[in-house]
Each structure stands twice: as C-alpha cells, then as structure tokens.
Amino acid sequence: MYMVMCVDEFAQRKNLSQKEAFLYLRQFGGISFLDEYYDIEHTLPFDDTMDALTGICLKDGGAIT
C-alpha cells in the first residue's frame, strides 16, 4: 500500500500518469529504493520521500526534477 501511495504522490507532483510514474521509478531506482528502505521511509513525511525519490532517480540517469 505504501508503494502505491508513493507512486501516486510522485505522479501528481511530477504531472505524470500513475503508469508513467511507476515505469520511471522502476527504471531509475526509485522502486528499489522504496523497497529497500521501507522501514525508514514510511516514517518520514511524503515531502522528504519525494525529494529522496527525485534525487535517487536523477543520480541513476533520470531527468525529471
């Protein structure tokens, strides 16, 4: 459920469809990041998580800021 909420929030903030957001996050490491660090990330505000996802994806070659 948390992963779905994060993808939805990312999609809204970046003006993407949910499918586009999921595919982008999967391609550029965001989904793996959420899976690996769920125990920490789910305790943080969504703003912090969205900033982290954006940074991880940019570091891994994504272009959405």
Protein backbone atom coordinates (compact mmCIF):
# COMPACT_ATOMS: atom_id res chain seq x y z
CA MET A 1 0.00 0.00 0.00
CA TYR A 2 2.81 2.44 0.86
CA MET A 3 4.49 1.87 -2.50
CA VAL A 4 1.23 2.64 -4.33
CA MET A 5 0.79 5.82 -2.31
CA CYS A 6 4.33 6.93 -3.14
CA VAL A 7 3.91 6.26 -6.87
CA ASP A 8 0.60 8.15 -6.84
CA GLU A 9 2.10 11.11 -4.98
CA PHE A 10 5.14 11.15 -7.30
CA ALA A 11 2.84 11.08 -10.34
CA GLN A 12 0.81 14.01 -9.04
CA ARG A 13 3.85 16.10 -8.15
CA LYS A 14 5.59 15.44 -11.47
CA ASN A 15 2.49 15.71 -13.66
CA LEU A 16 2.69 12.09 -14.82
CA SER A 17 0.17 9.29 -15.09
CA GLN A 18 0.50 6.61 -12.43
CA LYS A 19 1.81 4.20 -15.06
CA GLU A 20 4.42 6.69 -16.29
CA ALA A 21 5.50 7.39 -12.71
CA PHE A 22 5.81 3.70 -11.88
CA LEU A 23 7.81 2.94 -15.03
CA TYR A 24 10.10 5.93 -14.40
CA LEU A 25 10.65 5.00 -10.75
CA ARG A 26 11.31 1.37 -11.69
CA GLN A 27 13.77 2.29 -14.45
CA PHE A 28 15.75 4.77 -12.37
CA GLY A 29 15.91 3.02 -8.99
CA GLY A 30 13.07 4.64 -7.10
CA ILE A 31 11.06 1.45 -6.63
CA SER A 32 14.13 -0.45 -5.42
CA PHE A 33 14.91 2.40 -3.03
CA LEU A 34 11.40 2.32 -1.56
CA ASP A 35 11.53 -1.45 -1.22
CA GLU A 36 14.96 -1.47 0.41
CA TYR A 37 14.36 1.44 2.80
CA TYR A 38 10.67 0.98 3.54
CA ASP A 39 11.30 0.64 7.29
CA ILE A 40 12.74 4.17 7.39
CA GLU A 41 10.91 5.91 4.56
CA HIS A 42 7.39 5.11 5.75
CA THR A 43 8.09 7.06 8.96
CA LEU A 44 9.08 10.23 7.09
CA PRO A 45 6.86 12.96 5.61
CA PHE A 46 5.94 12.50 1.94
CA ASP A 47 7.90 15.65 1.06
CA ASP A 48 11.10 14.01 2.27
CA THR A 49 10.32 10.77 0.45
CA MET A 50 9.51 12.59 -2.80
CA ASP A 51 12.77 14.56 -2.53
CA ALA A 52 14.67 11.31 -1.95
CA LEU A 53 12.98 9.61 -4.92
CA THR A 54 13.75 12.55 -7.17
CA GLY A 55 17.40 12.54 -6.08
CA ILE A 56 17.82 8.78 -6.47
CA CYS A 57 16.32 8.83 -9.95
CA LEU A 58 18.41 11.81 -11.04
CA LYS A 59 21.55 10.10 -9.75
CA ASP A 60 20.65 6.99 -11.74
CA GLY A 61 20.08 8.84 -15.03
CA GLY A 62 16.52 10.11 -14.75
CA ALA A 63 15.73 13.60 -16.00
CA ILE A 64 12.57 14.57 -14.10
CA THR A 65 13.21 17.23 -11.48
